[in-house]
Amino acid sequence: MLASLKNRWRATLVAPSQALRGGMLAAALLAIVLVVAFRACAPSPTATQPHIGKPAIAFTLPAEQNGVLLPSPVAVTPASGKPTLLVFFYTLCTHCLLHMQSAHAVASDFPSLHSIYIDSPAERPNLPELLMQRLAITDPVLLDADGAVAARYGIAYYPTLVLIDGRGVVRAIWTGEVDAATLRAGIARALAANGNR
């Protein structure tokens, strides 16, 4: 009987230590997720600011629409004569959803403005599509798989909006959350200064 009690006591000591290890592992994983989420959501405009007033970067990326990879990559040529708003987002960035909805509504007030949505770093094609469906945005999503295009613009935080005028010059960059009135005024000012509406 005494041996049985000793064995039970030892077994109860092992179970809490295993639970403690499991809890520590879960805490470490949670800390990693929080660091990644904070990095994706915290604004830091300093790396992007040197691009303002400079020629925008041309790039080509694969794209998806309606959850299906498009057969040909999409080339973005900034000096196309049409002002463009690049919307860089990350599907795991929770506040990107609301910000993208606001940016889409504001951009629709400017008929000459072309919006391009870029998932960076890109997930599987069906993940950004679910986000686009929630926002009722039917445009294709460009997939910046390794974040190389975002890095060329100095983007490390999401969402980030890059406004390019019709001559292919970066006029404004907004990092993190920006209210609709500020975004609308910034777009109007940048487009008016370059003869676009």
N, C-alpha and C. Protein backbone atom coordinates (compact mmCIF):
# COMPACT_ATOMS: atom_id res chain seq x y z
N MET A 1 0.82 -1.19 0.00
CA MET A 1 0.00 0.00 0.00
C MET A 1 0.87 1.26 0.00
N LEU A 2 1.89 1.25 0.84
CA LEU A 2 2.80 2.39 0.92
C LEU A 2 3.53 2.59 -0.42
N ALA A 3 3.93 1.50 -1.05
CA ALA A 3 4.60 1.58 -2.36
C ALA A 3 3.64 2.15 -3.40
N SER A 4 2.39 1.78 -3.34
CA SER A 4 1.39 2.28 -4.27
C SER A 4 1.20 3.79 -4.11
N LEU A 5 1.19 4.27 -2.87
CA LEU A 5 1.05 5.70 -2.62
C LEU A 5 2.28 6.46 -3.12
N LYS A 6 3.49 5.88 -2.92
CA LYS A 6 4.71 6.53 -3.40
C LYS A 6 4.68 6.64 -4.93
N ASN A 7 4.24 5.58 -5.60
CA ASN A 7 4.17 5.61 -7.07
C ASN A 7 3.17 6.66 -7.56
N ARG A 8 2.03 6.75 -6.87
CA ARG A 8 1.04 7.77 -7.24
C ARG A 8 1.60 9.18 -7.04
N TRP A 9 2.29 9.36 -5.91
CA TRP A 9 2.88 10.67 -5.62
C TRP A 9 3.90 11.05 -6.68
N ARG A 10 4.74 10.11 -7.10
CA ARG A 10 5.71 10.37 -8.16
C ARG A 10 5.01 10.70 -9.48
N ALA A 11 3.94 9.98 -9.78
CA ALA A 11 3.19 10.23 -11.03
C ALA A 11 2.59 11.63 -11.03
N THR A 12 2.12 12.07 -9.86
CA THR A 12 1.53 13.43 -9.82
C THR A 12 2.60 14.50 -9.95
N LEU A 13 3.84 14.20 -9.55
CA LEU A 13 4.92 15.15 -9.73
C LEU A 13 5.33 15.26 -11.20
N VAL A 14 5.27 14.16 -11.93
CA VAL A 14 5.64 14.17 -13.35
C VAL A 14 4.60 14.94 -14.16
N ALA A 15 3.33 14.74 -13.88
CA ALA A 15 2.27 15.40 -14.65
C ALA A 15 2.35 16.92 -14.57
N PRO A 16 2.54 17.54 -13.39
CA PRO A 16 2.66 18.99 -13.36
C PRO A 16 3.89 19.50 -14.09
N SER A 17 5.02 18.77 -14.02
CA SER A 17 6.20 19.24 -14.74
C SER A 17 5.98 19.18 -16.24
N GLN A 18 5.26 18.17 -16.71
CA GLN A 18 4.92 18.12 -18.14
C GLN A 18 3.97 19.26 -18.50
N ALA A 19 3.03 19.53 -17.64
CA ALA A 19 2.09 20.63 -17.88
C ALA A 19 2.83 21.97 -17.88
N LEU A 20 3.82 22.10 -16.99
CA LEU A 20 4.61 23.32 -16.94
C LEU A 20 5.40 23.51 -18.23
N ARG A 21 6.02 22.42 -18.72
CA ARG A 21 6.75 22.51 -19.99
C ARG A 21 5.80 22.87 -21.13
N GLY A 22 4.63 22.26 -21.17
CA GLY A 22 3.65 22.58 -22.22
C GLY A 22 3.20 24.02 -22.14
N GLY A 23 3.00 24.51 -20.91
CA GLY A 23 2.60 25.90 -20.74
C GLY A 23 3.68 26.87 -21.16
N MET A 24 4.93 26.53 -20.86
CA MET A 24 6.05 27.38 -21.27
C MET A 24 6.18 27.40 -22.79
N LEU A 25 5.98 26.26 -23.43
CA LEU A 25 6.04 26.20 -24.89
C LEU A 25 4.92 27.04 -25.50
N ALA A 26 3.72 26.93 -24.94
CA ALA A 26 2.59 27.72 -25.44
C ALA A 26 2.86 29.22 -25.25
N ALA A 27 3.44 29.60 -24.12
CA ALA A 27 3.75 31.01 -23.87
C ALA A 27 4.80 31.52 -24.85
N ALA A 28 5.80 30.69 -25.14
CA ALA A 28 6.83 31.09 -26.10
C ALA A 28 6.25 31.28 -27.48
N LEU A 29 5.38 30.36 -27.90
CA LEU A 29 4.73 30.48 -29.21
C LEU A 29 3.85 31.73 -29.26
N LEU A 30 3.13 32.00 -28.20
CA LEU A 30 2.29 33.20 -28.15
C LEU A 30 3.15 34.46 -28.25
N ALA A 31 4.29 34.47 -27.57
CA ALA A 31 5.19 35.63 -27.64
C ALA A 31 5.68 35.84 -29.07
N ILE A 32 6.01 34.78 -29.78
CA ILE A 32 6.46 34.89 -31.16
C ILE A 32 5.35 35.45 -32.04
N VAL A 33 4.13 34.93 -31.87
CA VAL A 33 3.00 35.42 -32.65
C VAL A 33 2.74 36.90 -32.37
N LEU A 34 2.83 37.30 -31.12
CA LEU A 34 2.60 38.70 -30.78
C LEU A 34 3.67 39.62 -31.37
N VAL A 35 4.92 39.18 -31.36
CA VAL A 35 5.99 39.99 -31.95
C VAL A 35 5.76 40.16 -33.45
N VAL A 36 5.40 39.06 -34.13
CA VAL A 36 5.14 39.13 -35.57
C VAL A 36 3.95 40.04 -35.84
N ALA A 37 2.87 39.88 -35.06
CA ALA A 37 1.69 40.71 -35.25
C ALA A 37 1.99 42.18 -34.99
N PHE A 38 2.77 42.46 -33.95
CA PHE A 38 3.12 43.86 -33.65
C PHE A 38 3.95 44.44 -34.78
N ARG A 39 4.90 43.66 -35.28
CA ARG A 39 5.75 44.16 -36.37
C ARG A 39 4.91 44.43 -37.61
N ALA A 40 3.92 43.59 -37.87
CA ALA A 40 3.10 43.76 -39.06
C ALA A 40 2.14 44.94 -38.92
N CYS A 41 1.85 45.33 -37.69
CA CYS A 41 0.83 46.35 -37.49
C CYS A 41 1.34 47.70 -36.99
N ALA A 42 2.56 47.74 -36.49
CA ALA A 42 3.06 48.99 -35.93
C ALA A 42 3.66 49.88 -37.01
N PRO A 43 3.21 51.12 -37.10
CA PRO A 43 3.73 52.00 -38.14
C PRO A 43 5.16 52.47 -37.86
N SER A 44 5.97 52.51 -38.90
CA SER A 44 7.31 53.06 -38.83
C SER A 44 7.65 53.60 -40.21
N PRO A 45 7.31 54.86 -40.46
CA PRO A 45 7.43 55.40 -41.80
C PRO A 45 8.85 55.77 -42.24
N THR A 46 9.82 55.73 -41.36
CA THR A 46 11.13 56.26 -41.70
C THR A 46 11.78 55.56 -42.89
N ALA A 47 11.64 54.25 -43.02
CA ALA A 47 12.29 53.54 -44.13
C ALA A 47 11.63 53.83 -45.47
N THR A 48 10.37 54.21 -45.46
CA THR A 48 9.66 54.47 -46.72
C THR A 48 9.82 55.90 -47.21
N GLN A 49 10.12 56.84 -46.33
CA GLN A 49 10.14 58.26 -46.68
C GLN A 49 11.14 58.65 -47.77
N PRO A 50 12.31 58.01 -47.87
CA PRO A 50 13.23 58.39 -48.95
C PRO A 50 12.67 58.16 -50.35
N HIS A 51 11.61 57.37 -50.48
CA HIS A 51 11.03 57.09 -51.80
C HIS A 51 10.11 58.21 -52.29
N ILE A 52 9.65 59.07 -51.38
CA ILE A 52 8.74 60.15 -51.76
C ILE A 52 9.49 61.16 -52.64
N GLY A 53 8.86 61.49 -53.77
CA GLY A 53 9.46 62.42 -54.72
C GLY A 53 10.41 61.75 -55.71
N LYS A 54 10.56 60.45 -55.58
CA LYS A 54 11.45 59.69 -56.47
C LYS A 54 10.61 58.83 -57.41
N PRO A 55 11.21 58.37 -58.53
CA PRO A 55 10.46 57.49 -59.44
C PRO A 55 10.04 56.20 -58.72
N ALA A 56 8.82 55.79 -58.99
CA ALA A 56 8.31 54.55 -58.40
C ALA A 56 8.99 53.36 -59.04
N ILE A 57 8.95 52.26 -58.36
CA ILE A 57 9.61 51.04 -58.79
C ILE A 57 8.66 50.21 -59.65
N ALA A 58 9.09 49.83 -60.83
CA ALA A 58 8.30 48.92 -61.67
C ALA A 58 8.55 47.50 -61.19
N PHE A 59 7.52 46.66 -61.27
CA PHE A 59 7.69 45.27 -60.84
C PHE A 59 6.65 44.39 -61.52
N THR A 60 6.89 43.11 -61.49
CA THR A 60 5.98 42.10 -62.03
C THR A 60 5.79 41.03 -60.96
N LEU A 61 4.52 40.70 -60.68
CA LEU A 61 4.21 39.70 -59.66
C LEU A 61 3.11 38.77 -60.15
N PRO A 62 3.10 37.53 -59.64
CA PRO A 62 1.95 36.68 -59.92
C PRO A 62 0.73 37.28 -59.23
N ALA A 63 -0.43 36.96 -59.74
CA ALA A 63 -1.67 37.51 -59.16
C ALA A 63 -2.73 36.44 -59.09
N GLU A 64 -3.69 36.66 -58.22
CA GLU A 64 -4.83 35.76 -58.12
C GLU A 64 -6.11 36.57 -58.14
N GLN A 65 -7.16 35.93 -58.58
CA GLN A 65 -8.48 36.54 -58.57
C GLN A 65 -9.49 35.43 -58.36
N ASN A 66 -10.42 35.67 -57.48
CA ASN A 66 -11.43 34.67 -57.13
C ASN A 66 -10.80 33.38 -56.63
N GLY A 67 -9.67 33.49 -55.93
CA GLY A 67 -9.02 32.33 -55.36
C GLY A 67 -8.22 31.49 -56.32
N VAL A 68 -8.08 31.96 -57.57
CA VAL A 68 -7.36 31.19 -58.59
C VAL A 68 -6.17 32.01 -59.07
N LEU A 69 -5.02 31.35 -59.18
CA LEU A 69 -3.84 32.00 -59.69
C LEU A 69 -4.05 32.35 -61.16
N LEU A 70 -3.79 33.61 -61.54
CA LEU A 70 -3.95 34.03 -62.93
C LEU A 70 -2.84 33.41 -63.77
N PRO A 71 -3.11 33.12 -65.05
CA PRO A 71 -2.12 32.42 -65.88
C PRO A 71 -0.86 33.23 -66.16
N SER A 72 -0.96 34.55 -66.15
CA SER A 72 0.21 35.39 -66.43
C SER A 72 0.44 36.35 -65.28
N PRO A 73 1.71 36.65 -64.96
CA PRO A 73 1.97 37.65 -63.92
C PRO A 73 1.54 39.04 -64.38
N VAL A 74 1.34 39.91 -63.42
CA VAL A 74 0.89 41.28 -63.70
C VAL A 74 2.09 42.22 -63.57
N ALA A 75 2.32 43.02 -64.62
CA ALA A 75 3.40 44.01 -64.61
C ALA A 75 2.82 45.35 -64.18
N VAL A 76 3.47 45.98 -63.23
CA VAL A 76 3.07 47.30 -62.76
C VAL A 76 4.12 48.29 -63.27
N THR A 77 3.67 49.17 -64.16
CA THR A 77 4.54 50.19 -64.75
C THR A 77 4.04 51.54 -64.28
N PRO A 78 4.68 52.13 -63.28
CA PRO A 78 4.16 53.35 -62.66
C PRO A 78 3.98 54.54 -63.60
N ALA A 79 4.78 54.71 -64.62
CA ALA A 79 4.68 55.89 -65.48
C ALA A 79 3.69 55.66 -66.61
N SER A 80 2.57 55.03 -66.30
CA SER A 80 1.58 54.68 -67.32
C SER A 80 0.64 55.83 -67.66
N GLY A 81 0.78 56.97 -66.99
CA GLY A 81 -0.10 58.09 -67.22
C GLY A 81 -1.30 58.10 -66.29
N LYS A 82 -1.52 57.00 -65.55
CA LYS A 82 -2.65 56.92 -64.63
C LYS A 82 -2.14 56.84 -63.20
N PRO A 83 -2.61 57.73 -62.32
CA PRO A 83 -2.19 57.66 -60.92
C PRO A 83 -2.59 56.32 -60.31
N THR A 84 -1.74 55.83 -59.42
CA THR A 84 -1.94 54.50 -58.85
C THR A 84 -1.75 54.53 -57.35
N LEU A 85 -2.60 53.79 -56.65
CA LEU A 85 -2.47 53.60 -55.21
C LEU A 85 -2.12 52.14 -54.97
N LEU A 86 -0.89 51.90 -54.50
CA LEU A 86 -0.48 50.54 -54.14
C LEU A 86 -0.89 50.31 -52.69
N VAL A 87 -1.65 49.24 -52.45
CA VAL A 87 -2.12 48.91 -51.11
C VAL A 87 -1.42 47.62 -50.68
N PHE A 88 -0.37 47.77 -49.87
CA PHE A 88 0.35 46.61 -49.35
C PHE A 88 -0.33 46.16 -48.06
N PHE A 89 -0.69 44.88 -47.99
CA PHE A 89 -1.32 44.36 -46.78
C PHE A 89 -0.76 42.98 -46.48
N TYR A 90 -1.07 42.50 -45.30
CA TYR A 90 -0.66 41.16 -44.87
C TYR A 90 -1.90 40.48 -44.33
N THR A 91 -2.20 39.29 -44.80
CA THR A 91 -3.47 38.66 -44.43
C THR A 91 -3.59 38.37 -42.94
N LEU A 92 -2.49 38.25 -42.20
CA LEU A 92 -2.57 38.00 -40.77
C LEU A 92 -2.63 39.28 -39.94
N CYS A 93 -2.62 40.43 -40.61
CA CYS A 93 -2.72 41.72 -39.92
C CYS A 93 -4.21 42.03 -39.74
N THR A 94 -4.68 41.92 -38.51
CA THR A 94 -6.12 42.04 -38.26
C THR A 94 -6.68 43.43 -38.58
N HIS A 95 -5.94 44.49 -38.28
CA HIS A 95 -6.50 45.82 -38.55
C HIS A 95 -6.36 46.22 -40.01
N CYS A 96 -5.62 45.44 -40.81
CA CYS A 96 -5.52 45.73 -42.24
C CYS A 96 -6.89 45.66 -42.91
N LEU A 97 -7.74 44.78 -42.42
CA LEU A 97 -9.07 44.61 -42.99
C LEU A 97 -9.85 45.93 -42.98
N LEU A 98 -9.93 46.57 -41.83
CA LEU A 98 -10.68 47.83 -41.72
C LEU A 98 -10.00 48.94 -42.52
N HIS A 99 -8.68 48.96 -42.48
CA HIS A 99 -7.95 50.01 -43.19
C HIS A 99 -8.12 49.85 -44.69
N MET A 100 -8.08 48.62 -45.18
CA MET A 100 -8.27 48.39 -46.62
C MET A 100 -9.68 48.78 -47.05
N GLN A 101 -10.65 48.51 -46.21
CA GLN A 101 -12.03 48.89 -46.52
C GLN A 101 -12.14 50.41 -46.64
N SER A 102 -11.53 51.12 -45.72
CA SER A 102 -11.54 52.59 -45.74
C SER A 102 -10.78 53.11 -46.96
N ALA A 103 -9.61 52.54 -47.26
CA ALA A 103 -8.82 52.98 -48.41
C ALA A 103 -9.57 52.72 -49.72
N HIS A 104 -10.26 51.60 -49.81
CA HIS A 104 -11.04 51.28 -51.02
C HIS A 104 -12.16 52.30 -51.21
N ALA A 105 -12.85 52.64 -50.11
CA ALA A 105 -13.94 53.62 -50.20
C ALA A 105 -13.41 54.99 -50.61
N VAL A 106 -12.29 55.41 -50.04
CA VAL A 106 -11.71 56.71 -50.38
C VAL A 106 -11.24 56.71 -51.84
N ALA A 107 -10.54 55.66 -52.26
CA ALA A 107 -10.01 55.59 -53.62
C ALA A 107 -11.13 55.62 -54.66
N SER A 108 -12.29 55.07 -54.31
CA SER A 108 -13.40 55.07 -55.27
C SER A 108 -13.94 56.48 -55.53
N ASP A 109 -13.59 57.44 -54.66
CA ASP A 109 -13.98 58.84 -54.87
C ASP A 109 -13.13 59.53 -55.94
N PHE A 110 -12.07 58.87 -56.38
CA PHE A 110 -11.16 59.44 -57.38
C PHE A 110 -11.16 58.53 -58.61
N PRO A 111 -11.99 58.84 -59.61
CA PRO A 111 -12.14 57.96 -60.77
C PRO A 111 -10.85 57.74 -61.55
N SER A 112 -9.92 58.68 -61.52
CA SER A 112 -8.69 58.51 -62.29
C SER A 112 -7.65 57.67 -61.54
N LEU A 113 -7.93 57.32 -60.28
CA LEU A 113 -6.97 56.59 -59.46
C LEU A 113 -7.16 55.08 -59.62
N HIS A 114 -6.09 54.39 -59.94
CA HIS A 114 -6.10 52.93 -60.09
C HIS A 114 -5.52 52.32 -58.81
N SER A 115 -6.26 51.43 -58.15
CA SER A 115 -5.78 50.78 -56.93
C SER A 115 -5.25 49.39 -57.24
N ILE A 116 -4.11 49.06 -56.67
CA ILE A 116 -3.51 47.73 -56.83
C ILE A 116 -3.27 47.17 -55.43
N TYR A 117 -3.82 45.99 -55.17
CA TYR A 117 -3.71 45.35 -53.86
C TYR A 117 -2.60 44.30 -53.91
N ILE A 118 -1.70 44.37 -52.92
CA ILE A 118 -0.53 43.49 -52.90
C ILE A 118 -0.43 42.82 -51.54
N ASP A 119 -0.55 41.49 -51.54
CA ASP A 119 -0.39 40.70 -50.33
C ASP A 119 1.10 40.43 -50.15
N SER A 120 1.66 40.93 -49.05
CA SER A 120 3.11 40.83 -48.87
C SER A 120 3.43 40.59 -47.39
N PRO A 121 4.06 39.56 -47.00
CA PRO A 121 4.42 38.41 -47.81
C PRO A 121 3.17 37.61 -48.14
N ALA A 122 3.11 37.11 -49.35
CA ALA A 122 1.90 36.47 -49.86
C ALA A 122 1.64 35.13 -49.20
N GLU A 123 0.38 34.87 -49.01
CA GLU A 123 -0.07 33.57 -48.52
C GLU A 123 -0.52 32.75 -49.71
N ARG A 124 -1.13 31.62 -49.43
CA ARG A 124 -1.74 30.84 -50.52
C ARG A 124 -2.82 31.71 -51.16
N PRO A 125 -3.06 31.59 -52.47
CA PRO A 125 -4.01 32.47 -53.15
C PRO A 125 -5.40 32.55 -52.51
N ASN A 126 -5.87 31.47 -51.90
CA ASN A 126 -7.23 31.54 -51.36
C ASN A 126 -7.33 32.39 -50.10
N LEU A 127 -6.23 32.62 -49.38
CA LEU A 127 -6.31 33.44 -48.17
C LEU A 127 -6.57 34.91 -48.47
N PRO A 128 -5.81 35.57 -49.36
CA PRO A 128 -6.15 36.96 -49.65
C PRO A 128 -7.53 37.08 -50.32
N GLU A 129 -7.93 36.06 -51.06
CA GLU A 129 -9.24 36.12 -51.71
C GLU A 129 -10.36 36.17 -50.68
N LEU A 130 -10.22 35.43 -49.60
CA LEU A 130 -11.24 35.49 -48.54
C LEU A 130 -11.34 36.90 -47.96
N LEU A 131 -10.20 37.54 -47.79
CA LEU A 131 -10.18 38.92 -47.31
C LEU A 131 -10.86 39.85 -48.31
N MET A 132 -10.53 39.69 -49.59
CA MET A 132 -11.12 40.55 -50.63
C MET A 132 -12.64 40.33 -50.71
N GLN A 133 -13.08 39.11 -50.55
CA GLN A 133 -14.52 38.84 -50.58
C GLN A 133 -15.22 39.55 -49.42
N ARG A 134 -14.61 39.51 -48.24
CA ARG A 134 -15.20 40.21 -47.08
C ARG A 134 -15.31 41.70 -47.33
N LEU A 135 -14.37 42.25 -48.11
CA LEU A 135 -14.36 43.68 -48.39
C LEU A 135 -15.15 44.04 -49.64
N ALA A 136 -15.65 43.03 -50.35
CA ALA A 136 -16.38 43.22 -51.62
C ALA A 136 -15.51 43.95 -52.65
N ILE A 137 -14.22 43.60 -52.68
CA ILE A 137 -13.29 44.15 -53.67
C ILE A 137 -13.03 43.04 -54.69
N THR A 138 -13.28 43.35 -55.95
CA THR A 138 -13.16 42.33 -56.99
C THR A 138 -11.85 42.38 -57.75
N ASP A 139 -11.00 43.36 -57.44
CA ASP A 139 -9.71 43.49 -58.14
C ASP A 139 -8.82 42.28 -57.85
N PRO A 140 -7.92 41.97 -58.78
CA PRO A 140 -6.95 40.90 -58.49
C PRO A 140 -6.00 41.32 -57.37
N VAL A 141 -5.43 40.34 -56.72
CA VAL A 141 -4.44 40.57 -55.67
C VAL A 141 -3.09 40.09 -56.18
N LEU A 142 -2.11 40.98 -56.14
CA LEU A 142 -0.75 40.59 -56.51
C LEU A 142 -0.09 39.92 -55.32
N LEU A 143 0.69 38.89 -55.58
CA LEU A 143 1.26 38.07 -54.52
C LEU A 143 2.77 38.30 -54.44
N ASP A 144 3.17 39.09 -53.46
CA ASP A 144 4.58 39.39 -53.22
C ASP A 144 5.10 38.33 -52.25
N ALA A 145 5.32 37.12 -52.79
CA ALA A 145 5.56 35.92 -51.98
C ALA A 145 6.63 36.11 -50.91
N ASP A 146 7.76 36.63 -51.27
CA ASP A 146 8.85 36.77 -50.30
C ASP A 146 8.99 38.19 -49.77
N GLY A 147 8.06 39.06 -50.13
CA GLY A 147 8.10 40.44 -49.64
C GLY A 147 9.16 41.30 -50.32
N ALA A 148 9.70 40.84 -51.47
CA ALA A 148 10.79 41.57 -52.14
C ALA A 148 10.36 42.93 -52.65
N VAL A 149 9.15 43.05 -53.20
CA VAL A 149 8.68 44.35 -53.70
C VAL A 149 8.47 45.31 -52.53
N ALA A 150 7.85 44.81 -51.47
CA ALA A 150 7.65 45.64 -50.28
C ALA A 150 9.00 46.12 -49.74
N ALA A 151 9.97 45.24 -49.72
CA ALA A 151 11.30 45.61 -49.22
C ALA A 151 11.94 46.69 -50.09
N ARG A 152 11.72 46.64 -51.40
CA ARG A 152 12.30 47.66 -52.29
C ARG A 152 11.72 49.04 -52.00
N TYR A 153 10.49 49.08 -51.47
CA TYR A 153 9.89 50.34 -51.06
C TYR A 153 10.21 50.68 -49.60
N GLY A 154 10.94 49.83 -48.92
CA GLY A 154 11.27 50.05 -47.51
C GLY A 154 10.13 49.71 -46.57
N ILE A 155 9.18 48.91 -47.03
CA ILE A 155 7.99 48.59 -46.23
C ILE A 155 8.28 47.41 -45.31
N ALA A 156 8.04 47.60 -44.04
CA ALA A 156 8.19 46.53 -43.06
C ALA A 156 6.94 46.41 -42.19
N TYR A 157 6.00 47.34 -42.33
CA TYR A 157 4.80 47.37 -41.50
C TYR A 157 3.57 47.49 -42.40
N TYR A 158 2.47 46.88 -41.93
CA TYR A 158 1.26 46.82 -42.75
C TYR A 158 0.07 47.36 -41.98
N PRO A 159 -0.90 47.93 -42.69
CA PRO A 159 -0.90 48.19 -44.13
C PRO A 159 -0.03 49.40 -44.46
N THR A 160 0.42 49.46 -45.71
CA THR A 160 1.14 50.62 -46.22
C THR A 160 0.55 50.98 -47.58
N LEU A 161 0.27 52.26 -47.77
CA LEU A 161 -0.28 52.76 -49.03
C LEU A 161 0.76 53.62 -49.72
N VAL A 162 0.98 53.39 -51.01
CA VAL A 162 1.95 54.16 -51.79
C VAL A 162 1.19 54.84 -52.92
N LEU A 163 1.18 56.17 -52.94
CA LEU A 163 0.50 56.92 -53.98
C LEU A 163 1.51 57.35 -55.04
N ILE A 164 1.25 56.95 -56.28
CA ILE A 164 2.13 57.25 -57.41
C ILE A 164 1.35 58.10 -58.40
N ASP A 165 1.91 59.22 -58.84
CA ASP A 165 1.20 60.07 -59.81
C ASP A 165 1.31 59.47 -61.21
N GLY A 166 0.66 60.09 -62.18
CA GLY A 166 0.61 59.59 -63.55
C GLY A 166 1.95 59.61 -64.26
N ARG A 167 2.90 60.36 -63.71
CA ARG A 167 4.25 60.38 -64.30
C ARG A 167 5.18 59.36 -63.68
N GLY A 168 4.63 58.58 -62.72
CA GLY A 168 5.43 57.53 -62.11
C GLY A 168 6.27 57.96 -60.93
N VAL A 169 5.89 59.07 -60.29
CA VAL A 169 6.64 59.58 -59.14
C VAL A 169 5.84 59.29 -57.87
N VAL A 170 6.52 58.78 -56.84
CA VAL A 170 5.87 58.52 -55.56
C VAL A 170 5.56 59.86 -54.90
N ARG A 171 4.29 60.11 -54.62
CA ARG A 171 3.86 61.38 -54.03
C ARG A 171 3.58 61.29 -52.54
N ALA A 172 3.18 60.13 -52.05
CA ALA A 172 2.88 59.99 -50.62
C ALA A 172 2.95 58.52 -50.25
N ILE A 173 3.31 58.28 -48.98
CA ILE A 173 3.29 56.93 -48.43
C ILE A 173 2.69 57.03 -47.04
N TRP A 174 1.69 56.21 -46.79
CA TRP A 174 1.05 56.14 -45.47
C TRP A 174 1.30 54.76 -44.90
N THR A 175 1.84 54.71 -43.68
CA THR A 175 2.13 53.44 -43.02
C THR A 175 1.23 53.30 -41.80
N GLY A 176 0.66 52.12 -41.64
CA GLY A 176 -0.24 51.88 -40.50
C GLY A 176 -1.61 52.48 -40.76
N GLU A 177 -2.34 52.68 -39.70
CA GLU A 177 -3.70 53.19 -39.83
C GLU A 177 -3.68 54.68 -40.12
N VAL A 178 -4.51 55.06 -41.09
CA VAL A 178 -4.69 56.48 -41.40
C VAL A 178 -6.20 56.68 -41.59
N ASP A 179 -6.73 57.75 -41.02
CA ASP A 179 -8.18 57.95 -41.13
C ASP A 179 -8.55 58.38 -42.55
N ALA A 180 -9.81 58.16 -42.91
CA ALA A 180 -10.30 58.40 -44.26
C ALA A 180 -10.12 59.86 -44.68
N ALA A 181 -10.37 60.80 -43.77
CA ALA A 181 -10.26 62.23 -44.12
C ALA A 181 -8.81 62.60 -44.47
N THR A 182 -7.86 62.09 -43.70
CA THR A 182 -6.45 62.36 -43.98
C THR A 182 -6.04 61.75 -45.31
N LEU A 183 -6.47 60.53 -45.55
CA LEU A 183 -6.14 59.85 -46.80
C LEU A 183 -6.76 60.58 -47.99
N ARG A 184 -8.02 60.96 -47.88
CA ARG A 184 -8.71 61.67 -48.97
C ARG A 184 -8.02 62.99 -49.28
N ALA A 185 -7.68 63.74 -48.23
CA ALA A 185 -7.01 65.03 -48.44
C ALA A 185 -5.63 64.83 -49.05
N GLY A 186 -4.90 63.84 -48.61
CA GLY A 186 -3.57 63.57 -49.15
C GLY A 186 -3.62 63.17 -50.61
N ILE A 187 -4.57 62.32 -50.96
CA ILE A 187 -4.71 61.89 -52.36
C ILE A 187 -5.10 63.08 -53.23
N ALA A 188 -6.08 63.85 -52.78
CA ALA A 188 -6.54 65.01 -53.55
C ALA A 188 -5.41 66.02 -53.77
N ARG A 189 -4.66 66.29 -52.72
CA ARG A 189 -3.55 67.24 -52.82
C ARG A 189 -2.47 66.74 -53.79
N ALA A 190 -2.11 65.47 -53.67
CA ALA A 190 -1.06 64.92 -54.54
C ALA A 190 -1.51 64.86 -55.99
N LEU A 191 -2.75 64.50 -56.24
CA LEU A 191 -3.25 64.41 -57.61
C LEU A 191 -3.44 65.79 -58.22
N ALA A 192 -3.95 66.74 -57.44
CA ALA A 192 -4.16 68.10 -57.96
C ALA A 192 -2.84 68.76 -58.32
N ALA A 193 -1.82 68.49 -57.53
CA ALA A 193 -0.50 69.09 -57.78
C ALA A 193 0.11 68.59 -59.09
N ASN A 194 -0.39 67.46 -59.56
CA ASN A 194 0.16 66.87 -60.79
C ASN A 194 -0.85 66.85 -61.92
N GLY A 195 -1.92 67.63 -61.79
CA GLY A 195 -2.90 67.74 -62.86
C GLY A 195 -3.85 66.58 -62.98
N ASN A 196 -3.93 65.71 -61.98
CA ASN A 196 -4.87 64.59 -61.97
C ASN A 196 -6.01 64.90 -61.03
N ARG A 197 -7.13 64.28 -61.25
CA ARG A 197 -8.29 64.40 -60.35
C ARG A 197 -8.79 63.04 -59.97
